[in-house]
Protein backbone atom coordinates (compact mmCIF):
# COMPACT_ATOMS: atom_id res chain seq x y z
CA MET A 1 0.34 0.27 -0.02
CA LYS A 2 2.59 2.48 0.84
CA LEU A 3 4.12 1.50 -2.80
CA LYS A 4 0.76 2.43 -4.46
CA PHE A 5 0.49 5.59 -2.89
CA PHE A 6 4.08 6.56 -3.66
CA ASN A 7 4.17 5.51 -7.32
CA LEU A 8 0.07 7.78 -7.19
CA LEU A 9 2.15 10.85 -5.54
CA LEU A 10 4.93 10.67 -8.01
CA ALA A 11 2.50 10.74 -11.13
CA PHE A 12 0.60 13.65 -9.80
CA ILE A 13 3.89 15.49 -8.69
CA PHE A 14 4.64 14.75 -12.42
CA ILE A 15 1.69 16.54 -13.53
CA LEU A 16 1.33 19.48 -11.59
CA PRO A 17 4.42 21.46 -12.60
CA CYS A 18 3.57 20.79 -16.28
CA GLN A 19 -0.30 22.90 -16.05
CA LYS A 20 1.08 26.08 -16.47
CA VAL A 21 3.30 25.79 -18.99
CA LEU A 22 1.30 23.76 -21.14
CA ALA A 23 -1.78 25.16 -20.07
CA GLY A 24 -3.06 26.64 -23.81
CA GLN A 25 -0.92 24.53 -25.82
CA GLY A 26 -3.79 23.10 -28.21
CA ASP A 27 -4.17 22.35 -31.67
CA GLN A 28 -1.95 24.74 -33.85
CA PRO A 29 -2.41 25.48 -37.49
CA LYS A 30 -0.94 22.94 -39.92
CA SER A 31 2.28 23.96 -40.83
CA TRP A 32 4.74 22.04 -43.17
CA PHE A 33 6.03 20.44 -40.51
CA ASP A 34 4.62 19.16 -37.40
CA TRP A 35 5.41 16.63 -34.98
CA HIS A 36 4.61 15.98 -31.30
CA LEU A 37 5.88 14.12 -27.88
CA ASP A 38 3.79 11.81 -26.04
CA GLU A 39 4.77 10.82 -22.95
CA ARG A 40 2.70 7.87 -20.47
CA ILE A 41 3.19 6.77 -17.19
CA ARG A 42 0.76 3.78 -15.95
CA ASN A 43 0.83 1.78 -12.87
CA GLU A 44 -0.69 -1.12 -12.81
CA THR A 45 -2.08 -4.32 -10.49
CA ARG A 46 -3.40 -7.76 -11.54
CA VAL A 47 -4.33 -9.70 -8.62
CA ASP A 48 -5.13 -13.47 -9.12
CA LEU A 49 -4.93 -13.62 -12.95
CA PRO A 50 -3.61 -16.11 -12.33
CA THR A 51 -1.00 -14.71 -10.11
CA SER A 52 -0.45 -10.75 -9.02
CA THR A 53 1.39 -8.21 -10.91
CA ASP A 54 2.42 -4.73 -10.30
CA TYR A 55 4.52 -2.87 -12.49
CA VAL A 56 5.36 0.64 -14.22
CA ARG A 57 5.11 1.11 -17.73
CA PHE A 58 6.67 3.97 -19.70
CA LEU A 59 5.37 4.42 -22.98
CA THR A 60 7.31 7.30 -25.16
CA GLN A 61 5.61 7.80 -28.37
CA VAL A 62 7.49 10.60 -30.96
CA ARG A 63 5.57 11.62 -33.97
CA ALA A 64 6.16 14.12 -37.35
CA SER A 65 5.12 14.74 -40.28
CA VAL A 66 6.38 17.28 -43.25
CA ASN A 67 3.58 18.92 -44.99
CA LEU A 68 4.69 19.87 -49.08
CA PRO A 69 1.80 22.05 -50.72
CA VAL A 70 0.64 19.23 -53.14
CA GLY A 71 -1.10 17.72 -50.21
CA LEU A 72 1.49 15.28 -50.25
CA SER A 73 2.82 14.23 -46.91
CA LEU A 74 5.61 12.02 -45.60
CA ASN A 75 5.04 10.65 -41.73
CA THR A 76 6.93 8.78 -39.34
CA GLY A 77 6.35 8.14 -35.66
CA LEU A 78 8.94 6.00 -33.47
CA VAL A 79 7.32 4.05 -29.72
CA ASN A 80 8.85 2.26 -27.01
CA GLU A 81 7.57 0.76 -23.76
CA SER A 82 9.79 -0.30 -21.31
CA ARG A 83 8.61 -1.37 -17.54
CA VAL A 84 10.14 -1.65 -14.13
CA PHE A 85 8.41 -4.64 -12.29
CA ILE A 86 7.73 -4.44 -8.34
CA ILE A 87 5.68 -7.40 -8.23
CA PRO A 88 7.48 -10.40 -9.02
CA ASP A 89 10.85 -8.70 -8.29
CA LYS A 90 13.34 -8.69 -11.42
CA SER A 91 15.24 -6.32 -13.71
CA PRO A 92 13.39 -3.78 -15.70
CA TYR A 93 12.15 -4.71 -19.14
CA LEU A 94 14.12 -2.11 -21.69
CA ASP A 95 11.53 -2.26 -24.76
CA GLU A 96 12.98 -1.86 -28.18
CA VAL A 97 12.53 1.08 -29.93
CA ALA A 98 10.24 0.30 -33.44
CA PHE A 99 8.14 3.00 -35.46
CA ASP A 100 4.72 3.13 -35.59
CA ARG A 101 3.88 4.85 -38.47
CA LEU A 102 5.61 5.24 -41.43
CA ASN A 103 3.76 6.27 -44.08
CA ILE A 104 3.14 8.82 -47.23
CA SER A 105 -0.45 10.66 -47.73
CA ILE A 106 -1.86 12.05 -50.90
CA LYS A 107 -4.70 14.44 -49.76
CA GLN A 108 -6.79 15.79 -52.76
CA LYS A 109 -10.57 17.63 -52.36
CA ASN A 110 -12.45 13.89 -53.33
CA PHE A 111 -9.44 11.59 -52.94
CA SER A 112 -7.08 10.58 -50.18
CA LEU A 113 -3.93 7.47 -50.49
CA THR A 114 -2.24 6.69 -47.84
CA LEU A 115 0.38 4.08 -48.03
CA GLY A 116 2.61 2.45 -44.77
CA ARG A 117 2.63 1.83 -41.94
CA GLN A 118 -0.86 3.84 -40.75
CA ASP A 119 -3.59 3.16 -37.88
CA LEU A 120 -7.11 2.15 -38.92
CA THR A 121 -10.00 2.24 -37.06
CA TYR A 122 -13.33 1.76 -37.94
CA GLY A 123 -16.88 2.05 -35.83
CA SER A 124 -15.71 1.14 -32.12
CA GLY A 125 -13.12 -1.18 -32.90
CA PHE A 126 -15.37 -4.44 -33.21
CA LEU A 127 -13.75 -6.15 -36.35
CA VAL A 128 -10.98 -3.30 -37.17
CA PHE A 129 -8.51 -1.55 -34.97
CA GLU A 130 -5.92 -3.23 -33.29
CA GLY A 131 -3.68 -4.86 -35.73
CA THR A 132 -0.10 -5.47 -33.33
CA PRO A 133 -1.82 -7.61 -30.30
CA GLY A 134 1.52 -8.84 -29.69
CA ASP A 135 2.80 -5.78 -28.50
CA GLY A 136 0.31 -5.10 -25.71
CA SER A 137 -0.56 -1.67 -25.68
CA ARG A 138 2.35 -0.29 -27.40
CA SER A 139 0.89 0.23 -30.52
CA ILE A 140 -1.86 -0.80 -33.12
CA TYR A 141 -0.70 -0.27 -36.50
CA PHE A 142 -0.98 -1.51 -39.74
CA ASN A 143 0.73 -2.13 -43.07
CA ALA A 144 -1.78 -1.29 -45.44
CA ALA A 145 -2.52 1.06 -48.14
CA LYS A 146 -5.91 2.47 -48.27
CA ALA A 147 -7.77 4.76 -50.36
CA SER A 148 -10.59 6.69 -49.69
CA ILE A 149 -13.16 8.29 -52.22
CA ASN A 150 -15.54 11.22 -51.36
CA LEU A 151 -18.32 10.34 -53.98
CA ASP A 152 -20.64 13.22 -52.73
CA GLU A 153 -20.67 15.22 -49.48
CA GLN A 154 -22.32 12.34 -48.04
CA ARG A 155 -20.97 9.50 -48.90
CA LYS A 156 -17.94 8.03 -49.21
CA LEU A 157 -15.62 4.57 -49.77
CA ASP A 158 -12.37 3.20 -48.06
CA ILE A 159 -10.45 0.41 -49.79
CA PHE A 160 -7.55 -1.12 -47.72
CA ALA A 161 -5.08 -4.07 -48.04
CA ILE A 162 -3.37 -5.24 -45.46
CA HIS A 163 -0.11 -7.18 -44.49
CA GLN A 164 0.83 -7.82 -40.71
CA PRO A 165 4.04 -10.06 -40.66
CA GLN A 166 4.74 -12.43 -37.24
CA ASN A 167 7.98 -10.05 -36.17
CA ASP A 168 8.52 -6.63 -36.95
CA PRO A 169 10.95 -5.95 -39.60
CA LEU A 170 11.58 -2.51 -39.19
CA VAL A 171 12.68 -2.59 -35.41
CA LEU A 172 15.40 0.86 -35.02
CA LEU A 173 17.22 0.05 -31.54
CA ASN A 174 17.21 -2.71 -29.72
CA ASN A 175 14.80 -5.42 -31.16
CA LYS A 176 13.42 -7.99 -28.98
CA HIS A 177 11.58 -9.97 -32.21
CA THR A 178 8.51 -9.23 -30.43
CA ASN A 179 5.84 -11.68 -32.32
CA ILE A 180 3.55 -8.34 -33.22
CA THR A 181 0.49 -10.51 -34.02
CA ALA A 182 0.84 -13.12 -31.27
CA TYR A 183 -2.37 -13.74 -28.74
CA SER A 184 -1.44 -16.78 -26.80
CA LYS A 185 1.07 -19.94 -28.65
CA GLN A 186 -0.84 -18.72 -31.74
CA LYS A 187 1.81 -16.39 -34.03
CA PRO A 188 0.20 -15.97 -36.86
CA GLU A 189 0.82 -13.88 -40.41
CA VAL A 190 -2.41 -11.98 -41.35
CA ASP A 191 -3.61 -10.79 -44.80
CA ALA A 192 -6.75 -9.15 -45.44
CA PHE A 193 -8.66 -6.84 -47.68
CA GLY A 194 -11.65 -4.64 -47.23
CA ALA A 195 -13.98 -2.00 -48.24
CA ASN A 196 -16.03 0.05 -46.11
CA PHE A 197 -18.84 2.62 -47.67
CA SER A 198 -20.25 4.76 -45.42
CA VAL A 199 -23.39 7.25 -46.02
CA VAL A 200 -24.21 10.31 -43.41
CA ALA A 201 -27.57 11.80 -43.43
CA GLN A 202 -28.04 15.61 -44.15
CA PRO A 203 -30.28 17.38 -40.95
CA ASP A 204 -33.11 18.22 -43.21
CA SER A 205 -33.40 14.38 -44.31
CA ILE A 206 -36.01 11.84 -43.11
CA TYR A 207 -33.21 9.51 -41.86
CA LYS A 208 -31.26 12.82 -39.88
CA GLY A 209 -31.91 10.38 -36.64
CA ILE A 210 -29.85 7.49 -38.22
CA GLY A 211 -27.08 10.06 -38.53
CA LYS A 212 -24.33 7.70 -39.86
CA ALA A 213 -24.82 4.34 -41.77
CA GLU A 214 -21.52 2.32 -43.19
CA ILE A 215 -21.92 -1.04 -44.79
CA TYR A 216 -18.41 -3.23 -44.99
CA TYR A 217 -16.46 -6.41 -45.90
CA LEU A 218 -13.31 -7.77 -44.60
CA ARG A 219 -11.33 -11.11 -46.26
CA SER A 220 -8.65 -11.90 -43.94
CA ASN A 221 -6.23 -14.89 -44.25
CA GLU A 222 -4.42 -16.36 -41.13
CA TYR A 223 -1.48 -18.69 -41.73
CA LYS A 224 1.85 -19.89 -40.28
CA ILE A 225 -0.57 -21.68 -37.85
CA THR A 226 -2.57 -24.55 -37.80
CA PRO A 227 -5.21 -25.18 -38.79
CA GLU A 228 -4.94 -21.72 -41.24
CA ALA A 229 -8.10 -19.30 -40.99
CA LYS A 230 -9.69 -17.90 -44.62
CA LEU A 231 -12.55 -16.00 -43.73
CA ASN A 232 -15.17 -13.17 -44.86
CA THR A 233 -16.85 -10.89 -42.87
CA LEU A 234 -19.87 -8.83 -44.24
CA GLY A 235 -20.88 -5.99 -41.55
CA LEU A 236 -23.90 -3.40 -40.97
CA ARG A 237 -22.92 -0.07 -38.33
CA ILE A 238 -25.36 2.52 -37.89
CA GLN A 239 -24.35 5.27 -35.44
CA THR A 240 -25.69 8.93 -34.34
CA ASP A 241 -23.09 9.74 -32.33
CA ASN A 242 -21.10 11.09 -35.37
CA PHE A 243 -24.13 13.53 -35.78
CA ALA A 244 -24.67 16.20 -34.36
CA TYR A 245 -28.83 15.75 -33.89
CA GLU A 246 -30.34 13.26 -31.62
CA VAL A 247 -34.08 12.20 -30.97
CA ASN A 248 -34.58 13.35 -27.40
CA ASN A 249 -31.07 13.08 -26.22
CA LEU A 250 -30.65 9.33 -27.66
CA SER A 251 -28.03 8.13 -29.59
CA LEU A 252 -27.87 4.78 -30.97
CA TYR A 253 -24.98 2.16 -32.21
CA ALA A 254 -25.70 -0.55 -33.50
CA GLU A 255 -23.05 -3.22 -35.37
CA SER A 256 -24.25 -6.36 -37.20
CA ALA A 257 -21.71 -8.89 -38.67
CA LEU A 258 -21.90 -12.06 -40.86
CA GLN A 259 -18.71 -14.30 -40.75
CA TRP A 260 -17.87 -17.31 -43.07
CA GLY A 261 -15.13 -19.33 -44.45
CA LYS A 262 -12.93 -21.88 -43.67
CA TYR A 263 -10.14 -23.05 -41.11
CA GLY A 264 -7.97 -25.42 -42.90
CA ASN A 265 -9.92 -27.67 -44.92
CA ASP A 266 -12.93 -27.71 -42.48
CA LYS A 267 -15.42 -25.01 -43.60
CA LYS A 268 -16.49 -22.42 -41.19
CA GLY A 269 -21.04 -22.09 -40.84
CA ALA A 270 -21.86 -18.51 -41.35
CA ASP A 271 -21.99 -16.65 -37.64
CA LEU A 272 -24.30 -13.40 -36.75
CA SER A 273 -22.73 -11.38 -34.14
CA PHE A 274 -23.91 -7.59 -32.87
CA ASP A 275 -22.84 -5.07 -30.33
CA TRP A 276 -25.69 -2.43 -30.19
CA LYS A 277 -26.03 0.59 -27.44
CA LEU A 278 -28.48 2.82 -26.67
CA GLY A 279 -27.67 5.83 -25.09
CA TYR A 280 -29.20 8.63 -22.97
CA SER A 281 -28.24 12.30 -21.82
CA ALA A 282 -29.41 14.41 -19.46
CA PRO A 283 -27.25 17.57 -20.31
CA GLY A 284 -29.87 20.21 -18.48
CA ILE A 285 -29.22 18.02 -15.16
CA GLY A 286 -26.21 19.92 -12.76
CA LEU A 287 -23.78 16.67 -13.06
CA LYS A 288 -24.96 16.26 -16.94
CA PRO A 289 -25.58 12.37 -16.52
CA ARG A 290 -25.01 10.10 -19.65
CA LEU A 291 -26.70 6.09 -19.28
CA GLU A 292 -25.85 3.57 -21.66
CA LEU A 293 -27.11 0.40 -22.74
CA GLU A 294 -25.18 -2.29 -24.74
CA GLY A 295 -26.22 -5.88 -25.33
CA VAL A 296 -23.36 -8.16 -27.13
CA LEU A 297 -23.14 -11.65 -29.23
CA LEU A 298 -20.17 -13.56 -30.54
CA PRO A 299 -20.96 -16.84 -31.38
CA GLY A 300 -18.93 -19.70 -29.97
CA TYR A 301 -18.24 -23.34 -31.01
CA ASP A 302 -21.23 -25.43 -31.63
CA VAL A 303 -21.63 -29.36 -31.43
CA VAL A 304 -22.75 -30.16 -35.13
CA GLU A 305 -24.06 -33.48 -36.40
CA HIS A 306 -22.15 -34.53 -39.64
CA ARG A 307 -23.65 -37.18 -41.65
CA SER A 308 -21.41 -39.59 -44.15
CA PRO A 309 -21.62 -40.59 -47.12
CA THR A 310 -22.43 -43.84 -45.37
CA GLY A 311 -25.40 -42.74 -43.37
CA ILE A 312 -23.13 -42.56 -40.06
CA VAL A 313 -24.18 -39.59 -37.82
CA LYS A 314 -20.86 -37.85 -36.29
CA ASP A 315 -21.03 -34.67 -33.90
CA GLU A 316 -17.98 -32.18 -34.91
CA LEU A 317 -16.85 -28.67 -33.44
CA GLN A 318 -17.43 -25.83 -35.39
CA LYS A 319 -15.71 -22.95 -34.39
CA GLY A 320 -17.20 -19.61 -33.82
CA TRP A 321 -16.83 -15.91 -34.09
CA ASN A 322 -13.39 -14.38 -34.91
CA PRO A 323 -12.21 -11.42 -33.47
CA VAL A 324 -9.67 -10.84 -36.57
CA PHE A 325 -8.40 -7.33 -35.73
CA SER A 326 -10.17 -6.60 -32.76
CA LYS A 327 -7.89 -8.36 -30.07
CA TRP A 328 -8.01 -5.48 -27.47
CA PRO A 329 -9.40 -4.44 -24.08
CA LYS A 330 -12.66 -2.61 -25.68
CA TRP A 331 -14.71 -3.97 -22.72
CA GLY A 332 -12.34 -3.41 -19.73
CA GLU A 333 -8.56 -4.20 -19.15
CA LEU A 334 -9.66 -7.78 -17.38
CA LEU A 335 -12.01 -10.14 -19.85
CA PRO A 336 -8.83 -10.00 -22.40
CA TYR A 337 -6.94 -11.69 -20.25
CA LEU A 338 -9.07 -14.05 -18.47
CA LEU A 339 -9.80 -15.03 -22.25
CA THR A 340 -5.59 -16.04 -22.55
CA LYS A 341 -7.46 -19.61 -20.66
CA GLU A 342 -9.20 -19.95 -24.25
CA GLN A 343 -8.32 -18.99 -27.13
CA GLY A 344 -5.75 -16.31 -26.29
CA TYR A 345 -5.45 -13.17 -25.69
CA GLY A 346 -8.09 -10.77 -26.43
CA TYR A 347 -9.86 -13.36 -28.56
CA TYR A 348 -13.45 -12.20 -27.81
CA THR A 349 -15.36 -15.22 -28.80
CA ASP A 350 -18.05 -17.55 -27.14
CA LEU A 351 -19.48 -14.69 -25.00
CA VAL A 352 -23.28 -13.17 -24.58
CA MET A 353 -23.15 -9.69 -22.58
CA VAL A 354 -25.42 -7.17 -21.28
CA ARG A 355 -23.44 -4.31 -20.19
CA THR A 356 -24.58 -0.58 -18.77
CA GLU A 357 -22.22 2.36 -18.19
CA GLY A 358 -22.72 5.73 -16.29
CA THR A 359 -21.08 8.48 -16.65
CA VAL A 360 -21.01 11.78 -14.87
CA HIS A 361 -19.42 15.04 -14.67
CA PRO A 362 -18.76 15.89 -10.86
CA PHE A 363 -16.95 19.02 -10.54
CA SER A 364 -16.56 20.44 -14.19
CA ASP A 365 -17.34 19.23 -17.80
CA LYS A 366 -13.50 18.09 -17.52
CA HIS A 367 -13.67 15.46 -14.81
CA THR A 368 -15.44 12.28 -15.58
CA LEU A 369 -16.73 9.58 -13.31
CA GLN A 370 -17.83 6.36 -15.06
CA LEU A 371 -18.80 3.25 -13.47
CA ALA A 372 -19.78 -0.15 -15.69
CA TYR A 373 -21.71 -3.40 -14.67
CA ALA A 374 -21.40 -6.18 -17.43
CA TYR A 375 -23.03 -9.71 -17.22
CA MET A 376 -21.55 -12.17 -19.47
CA GLU A 377 -22.97 -15.51 -20.10
CA SER A 378 -20.95 -18.74 -22.89
CA ALA A 379 -22.31 -17.98 -25.67
CA SER A 380 -21.97 -21.91 -26.71
CA ASN A 381 -24.69 -24.56 -27.47
CA ALA A 382 -21.84 -27.35 -27.03
CA ASN A 383 -21.25 -26.79 -23.58
CA ALA A 384 -18.26 -28.47 -21.38
CA TYR A 385 -18.32 -30.72 -24.45
CA ALA A 386 -16.67 -27.95 -26.79
CA ARG A 387 -15.42 -25.78 -23.84
CA ASP A 388 -12.84 -28.99 -23.35
CA ALA A 389 -12.03 -29.54 -27.00
CA TYR A 390 -11.05 -25.70 -27.70
CA VAL A 391 -9.11 -24.72 -24.76
CA ASN A 392 -5.40 -24.49 -25.42
CA LEU A 393 -3.72 -27.27 -25.13
CA GLU A 394 0.00 -25.59 -25.20
CA SER A 395 -1.59 -22.61 -22.74
CA ILE A 396 -0.08 -22.75 -18.91
CA TYR A 397 -3.97 -22.65 -18.10
CA PRO A 398 -5.05 -26.54 -17.19
CA GLN A 399 -8.52 -27.63 -18.62
CA ALA A 400 -9.11 -27.82 -15.10
CA GLN A 401 -9.92 -24.18 -14.64
CA PHE A 402 -12.90 -24.64 -16.09
CA GLY A 403 -16.68 -25.76 -14.49
CA LYS A 404 -19.50 -27.09 -16.72
CA GLY A 405 -22.10 -23.83 -16.73
CA LYS A 406 -22.70 -20.85 -19.17
CA VAL A 407 -22.19 -18.06 -16.67
CA ARG A 408 -18.66 -16.61 -17.09
CA GLY A 409 -19.14 -14.01 -14.56
CA ARG A 410 -19.67 -10.45 -13.22
CA LEU A 411 -17.12 -7.06 -14.36
CA VAL A 412 -17.53 -4.17 -12.36
CA SER A 413 -15.17 -0.89 -13.44
CA ILE A 414 -14.82 2.41 -11.73
CA ILE A 415 -12.85 5.30 -13.86
CA TYR A 416 -12.15 8.35 -12.95
CA LYS A 417 -10.64 10.86 -15.89
CA VAL A 418 -9.22 14.60 -15.06
CA PRO A 419 -7.63 16.20 -17.68
CA LEU A 420 -5.22 18.81 -16.25
CA SER A 421 -4.22 20.74 -19.33
CA ASN A 422 -5.20 20.70 -22.38
CA ASP A 423 -2.18 18.27 -22.58
CA VAL A 424 -1.96 16.71 -19.79
CA ALA A 425 -4.88 14.31 -18.21
CA ALA A 426 -4.74 11.48 -15.25
CA HIS A 427 -7.04 8.71 -14.89
CA VAL A 428 -7.59 6.19 -12.20
CA TRP A 429 -9.16 2.69 -13.31
CA LEU A 430 -10.17 0.24 -10.91
CA GLU A 431 -11.84 -3.41 -12.26
CA ARG A 432 -13.38 -6.56 -10.09
CA PHE A 433 -14.41 -10.03 -11.82
CA TRP A 434 -16.50 -12.23 -10.28
CA PRO A 435 -16.35 -15.79 -12.05
CA GLY A 436 -19.29 -17.93 -12.52
CA ASP A 437 -20.26 -21.55 -13.27
CA PHE A 438 -18.11 -21.43 -16.48
CA TYR A 439 -14.75 -21.47 -14.58
CA ALA A 440 -14.26 -24.51 -11.63
CA LEU A 441 -15.42 -24.05 -8.26
CA GLY A 442 -13.17 -22.06 -6.24
CA THR A 443 -11.69 -19.70 -9.05
CA PRO A 444 -10.80 -16.65 -7.40
CA ALA A 445 -12.31 -13.31 -8.29
CA SER A 446 -9.07 -11.27 -10.13
CA THR A 447 -9.17 -6.85 -9.48
CA PHE A 448 -7.47 -4.60 -11.71
CA PHE A 449 -6.05 -0.93 -10.70
CA ARG A 450 -4.22 1.52 -12.80
CA VAL A 451 -3.15 4.70 -12.05
CA GLU A 452 -2.07 6.75 -15.26
CA THR A 453 -0.98 10.02 -16.16
CA SER A 454 -0.20 11.77 -19.86
CA LEU A 455 1.63 14.62 -21.35
CA ARG A 456 1.65 15.83 -24.82
CA VAL A 457 4.52 18.55 -25.93
CA LYS A 458 4.81 19.74 -29.06
């Protein structure tokens, strides 16, 4: 406890002197040369997951752009995230220095093209967000080519191609040969092609309550693993958060996707997933509260009957939802680690979740307090039979950690965010997970605690 208080004190001592110096350093007009440095310090503690850890992470990111008058930009960025360990007591981890951005971008009135290392995000990151799950929170980049075409003021088409190797060939210093695509013992190389078509409704349109609608397709190929995965994902996304108009202070985010393909020589039947969120804001009330209700379905492994040509009926396992480029802490910090007992870190599948989140601003609009509660179950009809089959046998987690039920558990999160100036921010994050009968009797509850400060200099 003393050490935790000391780390918290250090974080705020670091922040306070920066407030006057950095206050008012907001975004500056774009010039021929732009740069910034981000420094993020995180003290994170995890208890009983499956063992306790406590460490401090130092993320340093430097980015620069050269902007030419013809609409051409040269963009680069370096990143490093080293760690100092408290529990267990071991030597510091000195991370490699790698490029998390390295691209050429051409922007014209109705067209843009970006070639090289870049970030890609669509919607809430349900399918495309995290290109490098193997390096933790250090980076999320994609090695990609992306073209955007503005068909008119409302309609836009994105087309992109991605190649993610197992290891980063562009490490600048202290190469650790990090498997950037790894999420467990699996270390795939991934190629993908995708398209995203979006339409924004006009304020005077009868569809103004929809705000923005998108339809997308992603073809992904995971290879150098067994079995290889060749998947197709077709989805629809509707959101009002990107549009100023809200009907009676209500907002909607709804995303559904259909996924099919092959694992090796075995066909994967079509799986329908969804992530729907309804929000209500009350800006006229003192604390400006907001309440969100979210429902998530990610199909899991199922037992299906297969009849051979000779008439013999045999039960076979059919794989469930593959999150492709979405292995990140989307719904909390503990859940991705709990999933390492199954397919691997952040491999969201076999999940039914109902989640509520409330937000208030206790002191000013800049102070944000969030409280979230999630109830989770298994989505698989295969129950314990499938679970024994899909537990990663090469994992450090034994199959004995799983029970015979469907209730995954309950997750509570409390987050307090404090932007102290335009370029300095801090937050405190606390999570607690109580396991259900999906896990073996006696499986302990898990706790996550984080204190973070971040600073931008430019």
